[in-house]
Protein backbone atom coordinates (compact mmCIF):
# COMPACT_ATOMS: atom_id res chain seq x y z
CA MET A 1 89.90 156.07 96.08
CA LYS A 2 88.99 154.13 99.21
CA LYS A 3 91.78 152.21 100.88
CA ILE A 4 92.68 149.60 103.47
CA ALA A 5 95.96 150.14 105.32
CA LEU A 6 97.54 147.27 107.22
CA GLU A 7 100.90 148.27 108.63
CA GLU A 8 99.49 150.83 111.03
CA HIS A 9 100.87 150.83 114.54
CA PHE A 10 99.84 151.62 118.09
CA SER A 11 101.46 151.21 121.49
CA GLY A 12 99.49 149.82 124.40
CA PRO A 13 100.01 150.33 128.14
CA GLY A 14 103.09 148.60 129.51
CA PHE A 15 105.13 148.80 126.29
CA GLU A 16 106.86 152.12 126.94
CA HIS A 17 110.11 150.42 127.96
CA TYR A 18 110.28 148.42 124.72
CA LEU A 19 109.58 151.46 122.57
CA GLU A 20 112.64 153.19 124.04
CA SER A 21 114.81 150.70 122.16
CA VAL A 22 114.08 152.46 118.84
CA ARG A 23 114.46 155.99 120.17
CA GLY A 24 117.99 156.31 118.81
CA LEU A 25 116.73 155.89 115.24
CA PHE A 26 115.00 159.30 115.27
CA ASN A 27 115.84 162.87 116.04
CA GLU A 28 114.21 164.06 119.25
CA SER A 29 111.33 166.02 117.70
CA ALA A 30 110.42 163.16 115.34
CA TYR A 31 110.49 160.63 118.17
CA LEU A 32 108.32 162.75 120.45
CA GLU A 33 105.76 163.17 117.67
CA ILE A 34 105.67 159.41 117.03
CA GLU A 35 105.50 158.69 120.75
CA SER A 36 102.48 160.97 121.10
CA LEU A 37 100.61 159.44 118.14
CA LEU A 38 101.09 155.73 118.91
CA PRO A 39 98.64 155.54 121.86
CA GLU A 40 96.05 157.81 120.19
CA PHE A 41 93.01 156.32 118.44
CA ASN A 42 90.15 158.78 118.47
CA GLU A 43 91.14 162.05 116.82
CA LYS A 44 94.41 162.53 114.91
CA ARG A 45 94.50 158.96 113.61
CA LEU A 46 90.94 159.09 112.32
CA ILE A 47 91.42 162.53 110.80
CA ALA A 48 94.48 161.26 108.90
CA MET A 49 92.47 158.24 107.74
CA ASP A 50 89.52 160.35 106.63
CA ASN A 51 91.73 162.74 104.67
CA ALA A 52 93.33 159.76 102.94
CA GLU A 53 90.08 157.82 102.28
CA ILE A 54 91.47 154.98 104.41
CA LYS A 55 88.27 153.16 105.32
CA ILE A 56 89.91 150.47 107.48
CA ALA A 57 93.24 150.47 109.34
CA VAL A 58 94.58 147.16 110.62
CA LEU A 59 96.40 148.00 113.84
CA SER A 60 99.39 146.23 115.38
CA GLN A 61 101.52 146.66 118.49
CA THR A 62 104.55 148.61 117.39
CA ALA A 63 108.06 147.17 117.23
CA PRO A 64 109.77 145.59 119.00
CA GLY A 65 106.62 144.28 120.68
CA VAL A 66 107.33 141.35 122.98
CA GLN A 67 109.79 139.57 120.72
CA ARG A 68 112.88 140.70 122.66
CA GLU A 69 111.46 139.96 126.13
CA THR A 70 113.51 137.17 127.74
CA ASP A 71 110.90 136.27 130.37
CA ALA A 72 108.45 134.04 128.54
CA LYS A 73 105.68 134.39 131.13
CA LEU A 74 105.95 138.18 131.12
CA ALA A 75 105.94 138.20 127.31
CA LEU A 76 102.75 136.13 127.25
CA THR A 77 101.07 138.38 129.83
CA LEU A 78 102.01 141.52 127.91
CA ALA A 79 100.85 140.05 124.59
CA ARG A 80 97.46 139.18 126.08
CA GLN A 81 97.17 142.64 127.61
CA SER A 82 98.02 144.25 124.28
CA ASN A 83 95.43 142.16 122.46
CA ASP A 84 92.75 142.89 125.06
CA PHE A 85 93.56 146.60 124.87
CA LEU A 86 93.42 146.60 121.07
CA ALA A 87 90.13 144.69 121.04
CA LYS A 88 88.61 147.34 123.31
CA GLN A 89 89.80 150.14 121.02
CA ILE A 90 88.38 148.36 117.98
CA SER A 91 85.04 147.90 119.74
CA LEU A 92 84.83 151.69 120.17
CA CYS A 93 85.24 152.21 116.43
CA PRO A 94 84.36 148.88 114.80
CA ASP A 95 83.75 150.25 111.32
CA ARG A 96 87.28 151.69 111.01
CA TYR A 97 89.70 149.39 112.84
CA ARG A 98 90.80 145.77 112.67
CA GLY A 99 93.61 144.05 114.54
CA PHE A 100 96.70 141.91 114.14
CA ALA A 101 97.43 139.79 117.20
CA CYS A 102 100.54 140.40 119.28
CA LEU A 103 102.11 137.01 120.04
CA ALA A 104 104.70 135.82 122.57
CA LEU A 105 106.56 133.25 120.49
CA GLN A 106 108.84 132.50 123.41
CA ASP A 107 106.28 129.74 123.95
CA PRO A 108 105.01 128.55 120.54
CA GLN A 109 102.12 126.53 121.97
CA GLU A 110 100.86 129.47 124.02
CA ALA A 111 101.32 131.77 121.03
CA ALA A 112 99.13 129.44 118.97
CA ARG A 113 96.46 129.45 121.67
CA GLU A 114 96.58 133.23 121.91
CA LEU A 115 96.25 133.58 118.15
CA LYS A 116 93.24 131.28 118.19
CA ARG A 117 91.69 133.36 120.99
CA CYS A 118 92.22 136.60 119.12
CA ILE A 119 90.74 135.24 115.89
CA ASN A 120 87.76 133.50 117.48
CA GLU A 121 86.88 135.97 120.26
CA TYR A 122 88.02 139.29 118.85
CA GLU A 123 87.80 138.61 115.11
CA PHE A 124 91.33 139.81 114.52
CA VAL A 125 92.46 139.26 110.93
CA GLY A 126 95.89 137.69 111.53
CA ALA A 127 99.06 138.32 113.50
CA LEU A 128 102.07 140.59 113.26
CA VAL A 129 105.43 139.28 114.49
CA ASN A 130 108.36 141.64 115.02
CA GLY A 131 111.12 139.48 113.58
CA HIS A 132 113.01 136.83 115.51
CA THR A 133 112.26 136.02 119.15
CA ASN A 134 115.51 136.35 121.07
CA GLY A 135 117.49 134.98 118.14
CA VAL A 136 115.10 132.17 117.18
CA TYR A 137 113.66 132.55 113.68
CA LEU A 138 110.29 131.37 112.48
CA ASP A 139 111.68 128.52 110.38
CA ASP A 140 112.77 126.72 113.57
CA LYS A 141 111.03 123.38 114.02
CA GLN A 142 109.72 124.40 117.44
CA TYR A 143 107.37 126.78 115.61
CA TRP A 144 105.78 124.19 113.35
CA PRO A 145 102.83 123.60 115.75
CA PHE A 146 102.29 127.36 115.66
CA TRP A 147 102.30 127.32 111.85
CA HIS A 148 99.83 124.44 111.95
CA THR A 149 97.44 126.68 113.91
CA VAL A 150 97.99 129.59 111.51
CA ALA A 151 97.14 127.32 108.59
CA GLU A 152 94.12 125.91 110.40
CA LEU A 153 92.80 129.41 111.09
CA ASP A 154 93.61 130.50 107.51
CA VAL A 155 94.97 133.92 108.49
CA PRO A 156 98.11 135.76 107.33
CA VAL A 157 101.17 136.58 109.42
CA TYR A 158 102.81 139.95 108.90
CA LEU A 159 106.57 139.58 109.27
CA HIS A 160 107.70 142.97 110.53
CA PRO A 161 111.31 144.19 110.77
CA ALA A 162 113.46 144.01 113.88
CA ASP A 163 117.08 144.46 114.84
CA SER A 164 119.45 141.59 114.13
CA TYR A 165 120.10 139.29 117.07
CA ASP A 166 123.79 140.12 116.83
CA GLN A 167 125.41 143.18 115.29
CA PRO A 168 127.12 142.56 111.92
CA HIS A 169 130.54 144.16 111.85
CA VAL A 170 129.76 145.93 108.57
CA TYR A 171 127.39 148.27 110.45
CA SER A 172 129.94 149.22 113.11
CA GLY A 173 130.68 152.91 113.28
CA ARG A 174 127.95 153.72 110.78
CA PRO A 175 124.74 154.44 112.72
CA GLU A 176 123.18 155.71 109.48
CA LEU A 177 122.81 152.09 108.35
CA HIS A 178 120.70 151.01 111.32
CA GLY A 179 116.97 150.47 111.42
CA ALA A 180 114.64 151.29 108.56
CA THR A 181 117.39 152.95 106.52
CA TYR A 182 118.97 149.60 105.66
CA SER A 183 119.67 147.00 108.37
CA TRP A 184 116.01 146.09 108.96
CA THR A 185 115.52 145.39 105.26
CA CYS A 186 118.45 142.96 105.22
CA GLU A 187 117.33 141.28 108.43
CA THR A 188 113.70 140.86 107.37
CA ALA A 189 114.49 139.69 103.85
CA ALA A 190 116.86 137.07 105.27
CA HIS A 191 114.19 135.98 107.76
CA ALA A 192 111.68 135.59 104.93
CA LEU A 193 114.18 133.53 102.92
CA ARG A 194 114.72 131.27 105.93
CA LEU A 195 111.01 130.44 105.68
CA VAL A 196 111.34 129.82 101.94
CA PHE A 197 114.29 127.46 102.32
CA GLY A 198 113.01 125.90 105.56
CA GLY A 199 110.35 123.86 103.76
CA ILE A 200 107.51 125.38 105.76
CA PHE A 201 105.37 126.09 102.71
CA ASP A 202 105.68 122.52 101.49
CA HIS A 203 104.25 121.30 104.79
CA PHE A 204 101.69 124.09 105.16
CA PRO A 205 100.71 124.98 101.59
CA SER A 206 97.99 127.46 102.56
CA LEU A 207 100.26 129.80 104.57
CA ARG A 208 100.45 133.44 103.55
CA ILE A 209 103.10 135.87 104.78
CA ILE A 210 102.90 139.65 104.48
CA LEU A 211 106.05 141.74 104.05
CA GLY A 212 106.08 145.51 104.27
CA HIS A 213 108.27 148.16 102.68
CA MET A 214 107.74 146.94 99.13
CA GLY A 215 108.74 143.40 100.01
CA GLU A 216 112.00 144.28 101.80
CA ALA A 217 113.77 144.40 98.39
CA LEU A 218 113.02 140.74 97.60
CA PRO A 219 111.04 141.49 94.40
CA PHE A 220 114.22 142.89 92.88
CA MET A 221 116.24 139.75 93.74
CA LEU A 222 114.05 136.88 92.54
CA TRP A 223 115.89 136.03 89.34
CA ARG A 224 119.27 136.10 91.05
CA ILE A 225 118.09 133.98 93.99
CA ASP A 226 116.76 131.33 91.59
CA SER A 227 119.94 131.43 89.53
CA ARG A 228 122.27 130.96 92.51
CA ILE A 229 120.18 128.22 94.07
CA ASP A 230 120.16 126.34 90.74
CA ILE A 231 123.95 126.07 90.73
CA GLY A 232 124.50 125.92 94.49
CA PRO A 233 125.52 122.83 96.50
CA PHE A 234 122.28 122.73 98.42
CA GLY A 235 120.54 119.70 97.00
CA ASP A 236 116.78 119.60 96.50
CA LYS A 237 115.79 121.69 99.52
CA THR A 238 112.46 122.84 98.07
CA LYS A 239 110.04 121.42 95.53
CA ARG A 240 109.71 124.76 93.76
CA LYS A 241 111.95 127.62 92.75
CA PRO A 242 112.35 130.24 95.50
CA SER A 243 110.63 132.80 93.27
CA GLU A 244 107.62 130.49 92.87
CA ILE A 245 107.34 130.05 96.63
CA ILE A 246 107.52 133.80 97.17
CA ARG A 247 104.91 134.50 94.51
CA ASP A 248 102.62 131.79 95.89
CA HIS A 249 102.91 132.57 99.61
CA PHE A 250 103.97 136.19 100.07
CA VAL A 251 102.09 139.42 99.63
CA ILE A 252 103.71 142.79 100.17
CA THR A 253 102.69 146.30 101.15
CA THR A 254 103.83 149.72 99.99
CA SER A 255 104.49 150.89 103.56
CA GLY A 256 107.40 153.30 103.75
CA ALA A 257 108.29 152.93 100.08
CA CYS A 258 106.56 155.71 98.15
CA SER A 259 108.38 155.42 94.84
CA ASN A 260 107.07 154.49 91.40
CA GLY A 261 110.05 152.38 90.31
CA PRO A 262 109.86 149.88 93.20
CA LEU A 263 106.07 149.71 92.85
CA LEU A 264 106.23 148.92 89.14
CA CYS A 265 108.96 146.34 89.72
CA SER A 266 106.97 144.68 92.51
CA LEU A 267 103.83 144.50 90.41
CA SER A 268 105.82 143.02 87.53
CA GLU A 269 107.68 140.44 89.64
CA LEU A 270 104.96 139.42 92.10
CA GLY A 271 101.80 140.13 90.15
CA GLU A 272 99.08 142.72 90.68
CA GLU A 273 97.25 140.43 93.13
CA ASN A 274 100.12 140.49 95.62
CA VAL A 275 100.74 144.18 96.35
CA MET A 276 98.73 146.14 98.93
CA PHE A 277 98.68 149.74 100.08
CA SER A 278 99.88 150.72 103.55
CA VAL A 279 101.22 153.82 105.28
CA ASP A 280 103.32 152.65 108.28
CA TYR A 281 101.55 155.16 110.51
CA PRO A 282 102.80 157.06 112.49
CA TYR A 283 106.34 156.45 111.26
CA GLU A 284 105.51 157.65 107.75
CA ASP A 285 103.40 160.54 106.50
CA THR A 286 99.89 159.50 105.48
CA ALA A 287 99.50 162.29 102.95
CA ALA A 288 102.75 161.33 101.21
CA ALA A 289 101.71 157.68 101.01
CA VAL A 290 98.32 158.59 99.56
CA ASN A 291 99.71 161.09 97.05
CA PHE A 292 102.11 158.40 95.85
CA ILE A 293 99.57 155.64 95.30
CA GLU A 294 96.89 157.88 93.81
CA ASN A 295 99.32 159.28 91.24
CA ALA A 296 101.36 156.16 90.49
CA PRO A 297 101.51 155.34 86.75
CA ILE A 298 99.37 152.21 86.91
CA PRO A 299 95.94 151.37 85.44
CA GLU A 300 92.95 152.27 87.58
CA ALA A 301 91.95 148.62 87.87
CA VAL A 302 95.38 147.79 89.31
CA ARG A 303 95.26 150.82 91.63
CA GLU A 304 91.96 149.52 92.98
CA LYS A 305 93.52 146.14 93.70
CA VAL A 306 96.47 147.71 95.47
CA CYS A 307 94.37 150.19 97.44
CA PHE A 308 91.80 147.75 98.81
CA ARG A 309 90.77 144.76 96.71
CA ASN A 310 93.82 142.64 97.51
CA ALA A 311 93.58 143.41 101.22
CA GLU A 312 89.89 142.50 101.19
CA ARG A 313 90.82 139.09 99.78
CA VAL A 314 93.84 138.41 102.00
CA LEU A 315 92.24 139.63 105.24
CA LYS A 316 88.67 138.56 104.48
CA ILE A 317 87.25 142.01 105.20
CA SER A 318 85.24 144.48 103.16
CA VAL A 319 85.45 148.25 102.88
CA SER A 320 81.92 148.37 101.57
CA SER A 321 80.32 146.80 104.63
CA GLY A 322 83.15 147.50 107.09
CA ILE A 323 82.75 144.09 108.71
CA ASN A 324 84.32 140.69 108.29
CA ASP A 325 82.96 138.71 105.35
């Protein structure tokens, strides 16, 4: 079955230093393989896509991107360079690639302008943000002009994992808990809930956020979150239940979570319109991701939605024509 994949990463020139920050999460051979695949567009990536019937891959600058850069001007320069580089790569293979903008949220106004440039000039389909920006989360009021631009452009923002700003003591001495194994899930789910409780979706009701890795475990927590908020001393912080906000404004991908139980739970809790296929290339194996989704115990009509129909709707692209609708 044809597919769209939208948590698929690359690394552009000038980002080598940032990529080193995740080196300790992999054994040496795995890291070297990933490092070799991230800058490659023309052979191995396309072969993997062809073998998997992935018709379109939406590419994004790999974590940590520019989010941890403390020099705002440098972050903006690097983000623009990354977007220009990605646009050139897409132009060489326009029927197979789309792009998520890399944004320097150190300066929210400039980030909004850069997003607008990428959407209008390069026809990117949204943005991917690698977590907090030097400890500032996306519910902060300084980002509301940025969210206004996102809503105006009517594009999604992919909230990708990142390290916590500070190191929780519970992880100390246990490196196994770091990164994608566990700590990134906790960090990203908490970041998403900050958006839910921050009132952003009441002010910008058209916003749509994408979460990877089967929703960073949030689909499994919706009932409990509602229950605890109902009896908590928080007052009327939102107009809707947290679960309603999540169902209305979040879509998730299967990236890095190739297991039937989580998929079935996510479809049940979020609805079959809100789950999309992804691989997390090159951090995950494309063949494993495809084998999982093509053999998952779901109706063919639902599989079609997960594999490409939902992404077509959310990203406003088409696998039949290969160009923006």
